[in-house]
Amino acid sequence: AAAADLAAHVSTLARRRGFPAGGYPLRLAGGLLVGGATLRERVVAALAAAGPAPGAVLVVGDPAIGAVRLAAAALG
């Protein structure tokens, strides 16, 4: 249920922002998602089923590192 709820939340935000399927990067952080492969897999599968599906999915142990990576990618 946790995976479905989280995927529903992310899907709603992606639709509201107008992200196309495969068009948005997804960064996963937090103890349950970083340390739990089963939960991660279920969230990604639920996102793919609900649409729009994310593009690149990356597990980030520290959210600040993920923010830096996104900023660096945006700057080229």
Protein backbone atom coordinates (compact mmCIF):
# COMPACT_ATOMS: atom_id res chain seq x y z
CA ALA A 1 0.00 0.00 0.00
CA ALA A 2 2.88 2.38 0.75
CA ALA A 3 4.29 1.96 -2.76
CA ALA A 4 0.90 2.58 -4.36
CA ASP A 5 0.29 5.68 -2.24
CA LEU A 6 3.71 7.15 -2.98
CA ALA A 7 3.37 6.39 -6.69
CA ALA A 8 -0.08 8.03 -6.75
CA HIS A 9 1.38 11.15 -5.17
CA VAL A 10 4.30 11.34 -7.63
CA SER A 11 2.01 10.61 -10.61
CA THR A 12 -0.35 13.40 -9.58
CA LEU A 13 2.52 15.86 -9.31
CA ALA A 14 3.99 14.75 -12.64
CA ARG A 15 0.64 15.19 -14.41
CA ARG A 16 0.06 18.60 -12.82
CA ARG A 17 3.49 19.74 -13.94
CA GLY A 18 2.86 18.41 -17.45
CA PHE A 19 5.77 15.95 -17.48
CA PRO A 20 5.65 13.52 -20.40
CA ALA A 21 6.11 9.78 -19.86
CA GLY A 22 9.81 9.05 -19.65
CA GLY A 23 10.41 12.76 -19.45
CA TYR A 24 11.22 13.44 -15.84
CA PRO A 25 14.07 12.27 -13.65
CA LEU A 26 13.07 10.59 -10.42
CA ARG A 27 15.33 10.66 -7.39
CA LEU A 28 14.47 8.38 -4.50
CA ALA A 29 15.72 9.18 -1.01
CA GLY A 30 14.96 8.19 2.55
CA GLY A 31 15.71 5.13 4.57
CA LEU A 32 12.86 2.95 3.33
CA LEU A 33 13.48 3.66 -0.36
CA VAL A 34 17.28 3.63 -0.19
CA GLY A 35 17.47 0.50 1.93
CA GLY A 36 14.47 -1.38 0.61
CA ALA A 37 14.83 -2.75 -2.91
CA THR A 38 11.36 -4.30 -2.80
CA LEU A 39 9.66 -1.00 -1.97
CA ARG A 40 11.71 0.83 -4.61
CA GLU A 41 10.79 -1.71 -7.28
CA ARG A 42 7.11 -1.53 -6.37
CA VAL A 43 7.07 2.27 -6.46
CA VAL A 44 8.73 2.36 -9.89
CA ALA A 45 6.39 -0.35 -11.21
CA ALA A 46 3.35 1.50 -9.88
CA LEU A 47 4.57 4.72 -11.50
CA ALA A 48 5.02 2.98 -14.84
CA ALA A 49 1.49 1.58 -14.60
CA ALA A 50 -0.15 4.85 -13.50
CA GLY A 51 1.74 7.15 -15.86
CA PRO A 52 3.37 9.30 -16.70
CA ALA A 53 6.32 6.99 -16.12
CA PRO A 54 9.60 8.52 -15.02
CA GLY A 55 12.73 8.50 -17.12
CA ALA A 56 15.96 7.94 -15.24
CA VAL A 57 15.50 6.70 -11.67
CA LEU A 58 18.35 7.22 -9.23
CA VAL A 59 18.60 6.24 -5.58
CA VAL A 60 20.16 9.03 -3.53
CA GLY A 61 21.38 8.35 -0.02
CA ASP A 62 21.46 12.05 0.80
CA PRO A 63 18.82 14.33 -0.78
CA ALA A 64 21.27 17.23 -0.90
CA ILE A 65 23.50 15.19 -3.21
CA GLY A 66 20.53 14.56 -5.48
CA ALA A 67 19.79 18.28 -5.60
CA VAL A 68 23.38 19.03 -6.54
CA ARG A 69 23.31 16.40 -9.29
CA LEU A 70 20.09 17.84 -10.74
CA ALA A 71 21.53 21.35 -10.64
CA ALA A 72 24.74 20.20 -12.32
CA ALA A 73 22.77 18.42 -15.04
CA ALA A 74 20.67 21.52 -15.63
CA LEU A 75 23.81 23.62 -16.00
CA GLY A 76 25.33 21.15 -18.43
